[in-house]
Amino acid sequence: MKIQSAIFERGAVNFDGCPESKLPEFAFIGRSNVGKSSLLNLLADKDGLARVSGNPGRTREINFFTINGTWSLVDLPGYGYAKVSKADRARFQEFIATYLIERENLFCAFVLIDSRHPPQRIDLEFVQWLVEAAVPFALVFTKAEKTRASALGKNVTLFLDAMKDWSEGEPAVFTSSAKTGEGRREILAFIEAAMQG
């Protein structure tokens, strides 16, 4: 897939604020500081599309970007380390959950996981919630350039093994690096195939 245009559509702070769009949506979510903004900029081939911040948890709303006029890239707030009050965090989580469960044109949620670490409980709990809520998802192991291939492969295997207790079958799995461009072609091909049904 060649990216010809990537346009910011709107940011929504609640479910009612999401755009009334029929375009297929592909959402990206992960723990704060997992490299989500860098990956989104890589996919869209547009520096600055998503703000890259040294402060984890900057995204406080759902941001919608229209790609090639044919699909939407959706940037979801990270889960985990956002420096906000418990009440705010609960509100964000409820908003994200409502979007993931009720958004009819959501084709897939890409869950970003830091490839440098063995399975983290917060990531496994979130993926288990997606499975139980029947939300279609794929896994993207980020920052591949910072991990030896053997360690990366081991961490991916450990994560998939941990899922076997509550998940039938394995989701699509990608490894990515915003620095080297690894994973970009594969993720965009997956999106293209999903839209073609």
Protein backbone atom coordinates (compact mmCIF):
# COMPACT_ATOMS: atom_id res chain seq x y z
CA MET A 1 0.00 0.00 0.00
CA LYS A 2 1.36 3.42 -0.98
CA ILE A 3 0.44 6.23 1.41
CA GLN A 4 -0.57 9.25 -0.63
CA SER A 5 -2.29 11.32 2.05
CA ALA A 6 -2.57 11.31 5.83
CA ILE A 7 -4.88 13.97 7.21
CA PHE A 8 -5.81 14.68 10.83
CA GLU A 9 -9.59 14.39 11.06
CA ARG A 10 -10.36 15.14 14.70
CA GLY A 11 -9.61 14.36 18.33
CA ALA A 12 -12.40 13.01 20.52
CA VAL A 13 -12.51 13.19 24.32
CA ASN A 14 -15.61 11.01 24.58
CA PHE A 15 -17.38 8.41 22.48
CA ASP A 16 -20.00 10.88 21.22
CA GLY A 17 -17.17 13.00 19.83
CA CYS A 18 -15.95 10.28 17.47
CA PRO A 19 -16.51 11.18 13.80
CA GLU A 20 -19.56 9.80 12.02
CA SER A 21 -17.49 7.90 9.52
CA LYS A 22 -18.09 4.68 7.62
CA LEU A 23 -14.41 4.26 6.74
CA PRO A 24 -12.72 1.12 8.08
CA GLU A 25 -10.78 1.99 11.22
CA PHE A 26 -7.50 0.50 12.43
CA ALA A 27 -6.66 1.51 15.98
CA PHE A 28 -3.27 1.51 17.70
CA ILE A 29 -2.86 1.19 21.46
CA GLY A 30 -0.12 0.23 23.89
CA ARG A 31 1.47 0.96 27.20
CA SER A 32 2.74 4.50 27.54
CA ASN A 33 6.23 4.94 26.06
CA VAL A 34 5.98 1.86 23.81
CA GLY A 35 6.87 3.88 20.71
CA LYS A 36 3.33 4.29 19.36
CA SER A 37 3.71 7.81 17.97
CA SER A 38 6.94 6.86 16.20
CA LEU A 39 5.27 3.81 14.65
CA LEU A 40 2.25 5.84 13.47
CA ASN A 41 4.54 8.42 11.86
CA LEU A 42 6.43 5.58 10.15
CA LEU A 43 3.24 3.94 8.83
CA ALA A 44 1.87 7.21 7.50
CA ASP A 45 5.31 8.22 6.17
CA LYS A 46 4.76 11.59 7.78
CA ASP A 47 6.94 13.00 10.55
CA GLY A 48 4.89 14.80 13.14
CA LEU A 49 1.56 13.11 12.29
CA ALA A 50 1.43 11.81 15.86
CA ARG A 51 3.27 13.79 18.50
CA VAL A 52 6.34 12.01 19.86
CA SER A 53 6.84 12.92 23.49
CA GLY A 54 9.44 12.19 26.14
CA ASN A 55 6.63 12.34 28.67
CA PRO A 56 4.68 9.06 28.69
CA GLY A 57 0.92 9.31 28.56
CA ARG A 58 0.61 12.50 26.55
CA THR A 59 -2.30 11.31 24.39
CA ARG A 60 -5.47 12.15 26.30
CA GLU A 61 -7.96 11.70 23.48
CA ILE A 62 -8.66 9.45 20.55
CA ASN A 63 -7.16 10.97 17.41
CA PHE A 64 -8.50 10.05 13.97
CA PHE A 65 -6.40 10.35 10.79
CA THR A 66 -7.81 9.68 7.31
CA ILE A 67 -5.36 7.75 5.13
CA ASN A 68 -5.64 7.91 1.33
CA GLY A 69 -9.29 8.91 1.80
CA THR A 70 -10.11 5.20 2.22
CA TRP A 71 -9.41 4.23 5.86
CA SER A 72 -8.81 5.72 9.28
CA LEU A 73 -5.76 5.33 11.47
CA VAL A 74 -6.88 5.76 15.06
CA ASP A 75 -4.44 6.75 17.80
CA LEU A 76 -5.75 5.57 21.17
CA PRO A 77 -4.46 6.83 24.54
CA GLY A 78 -1.79 4.60 26.07
CA TYR A 79 -2.55 2.54 29.12
CA GLY A 80 -0.27 2.50 32.12
CA TYR A 81 1.86 5.39 33.22
CA ALA A 82 -0.14 8.52 32.34
CA LYS A 83 0.33 11.07 35.11
CA VAL A 84 -3.34 11.79 35.67
CA SER A 85 -5.72 11.40 38.57
CA LYS A 86 -7.37 8.04 39.21
CA ALA A 87 -10.72 9.53 38.20
CA ASP A 88 -9.28 10.76 34.89
CA ARG A 89 -7.61 7.42 34.27
CA ALA A 90 -10.86 5.55 34.91
CA ARG A 91 -12.66 7.91 32.51
CA PHE A 92 -10.04 7.33 29.80
CA GLN A 93 -10.27 3.56 30.27
CA GLU A 94 -14.05 3.60 30.05
CA PHE A 95 -13.89 5.76 26.92
CA ILE A 96 -11.34 3.45 25.26
CA ALA A 97 -13.35 0.35 26.21
CA THR A 98 -16.54 1.86 24.79
CA TYR A 99 -14.75 2.71 21.53
CA LEU A 100 -13.22 -0.76 21.17
CA ILE A 101 -16.45 -2.62 21.89
CA GLU A 102 -19.04 -0.39 20.25
CA ARG A 103 -17.31 1.17 17.23
CA GLU A 104 -18.93 -0.72 14.36
CA ASN A 105 -16.35 0.18 11.72
CA LEU A 106 -13.33 -0.86 13.83
CA PHE A 107 -11.61 -3.56 11.77
CA CYS A 108 -8.64 -4.25 14.02
CA ALA A 109 -6.85 -2.98 17.13
CA PHE A 110 -3.06 -3.21 16.95
CA VAL A 111 -1.66 -3.75 20.45
CA LEU A 112 1.89 -2.44 20.72
CA ILE A 113 4.27 -4.30 23.03
CA ASP A 114 7.88 -3.38 23.85
CA SER A 115 9.93 -6.24 22.39
CA ARG A 116 12.78 -5.67 24.86
CA HIS A 117 10.87 -7.14 27.80
CA PRO A 118 9.39 -10.53 28.69
CA PRO A 119 5.56 -10.51 28.96
CA GLN A 120 4.29 -7.74 31.21
CA ARG A 121 1.14 -8.31 33.25
CA ILE A 122 -0.47 -5.05 32.11
CA ASP A 123 -0.13 -6.07 28.43
CA LEU A 124 -1.41 -9.60 29.01
CA GLU A 125 -4.40 -8.32 31.00
CA PHE A 126 -5.31 -5.89 28.23
CA VAL A 127 -5.02 -8.55 25.51
CA GLN A 128 -7.09 -10.96 27.62
CA TRP A 129 -9.78 -8.27 27.91
CA LEU A 130 -9.78 -7.88 24.11
CA VAL A 131 -10.20 -11.65 23.68
CA GLU A 132 -13.09 -11.76 26.17
CA ALA A 133 -14.72 -8.72 24.54
CA ALA A 134 -14.32 -10.33 21.08
CA VAL A 135 -12.43 -7.29 19.74
CA PRO A 136 -10.32 -8.20 16.66
CA PHE A 137 -6.67 -7.45 17.31
CA ALA A 138 -3.08 -8.01 16.18
CA LEU A 139 0.17 -7.71 18.15
CA VAL A 140 3.05 -5.41 17.19
CA PHE A 141 6.34 -5.88 19.04
CA THR A 142 8.08 -2.50 18.85
CA LYS A 143 11.67 -1.24 19.15
CA ALA A 144 13.04 -4.31 17.38
CA GLU A 145 16.33 -2.55 16.65
CA LYS A 146 17.04 -2.38 20.40
CA THR A 147 16.73 -6.14 20.95
CA ARG A 148 18.86 -9.03 19.76
CA ALA A 149 16.90 -11.24 17.36
CA SER A 150 17.15 -14.22 19.72
CA ALA A 151 15.82 -12.24 22.71
CA LEU A 152 13.05 -10.71 20.62
CA GLY A 153 11.96 -14.14 19.36
CA LYS A 154 12.00 -15.50 22.90
CA ASN A 155 9.86 -12.62 24.24
CA VAL A 156 7.31 -13.05 21.42
CA THR A 157 7.11 -16.81 22.08
CA LEU A 158 6.69 -16.26 25.84
CA PHE A 159 3.87 -13.79 25.20
CA LEU A 160 2.02 -16.13 22.83
CA ASP A 161 2.51 -19.03 25.27
CA ALA A 162 1.05 -16.95 28.11
CA MET A 163 -2.03 -16.25 25.96
CA LYS A 164 -2.82 -19.95 25.50
CA ASP A 165 -4.64 -20.14 28.85
CA TRP A 166 -7.43 -17.89 27.61
CA SER A 167 -7.10 -17.55 23.84
CA GLU A 168 -7.82 -20.02 21.06
CA GLY A 169 -5.44 -19.62 18.16
CA GLU A 170 -2.86 -16.88 17.73
CA PRO A 171 -3.38 -13.33 16.46
CA ALA A 172 -1.36 -11.84 13.62
CA VAL A 173 2.06 -10.85 14.99
CA PHE A 174 4.41 -8.17 13.66
CA THR A 175 7.78 -6.85 14.76
CA SER A 176 8.57 -3.23 14.06
CA SER A 177 11.24 -0.59 14.29
CA ALA A 178 10.53 3.07 13.69
CA LYS A 179 14.30 3.53 13.21
CA THR A 180 14.87 0.91 10.48
CA GLY A 181 11.36 0.82 9.00
CA GLU A 182 10.94 -2.86 9.86
CA GLY A 183 7.30 -3.97 9.90
CA ARG A 184 5.89 -1.05 7.93
CA ARG A 185 5.26 -2.95 4.70
CA GLU A 186 3.82 -5.97 6.53
CA ILE A 187 1.41 -3.95 8.69
CA LEU A 188 0.17 -1.90 5.72
CA ALA A 189 -0.29 -5.11 3.67
CA PHE A 190 -2.31 -6.58 6.56
CA ILE A 191 -4.53 -3.48 6.62
CA GLU A 192 -5.00 -3.60 2.87
CA ALA A 193 -5.93 -7.31 2.98
CA ALA A 194 -8.37 -6.71 5.86
CA MET A 195 -10.18 -4.02 3.87
CA GLN A 196 -10.48 -6.30 0.86
CA GLY A 197 -12.06 -8.93 3.09
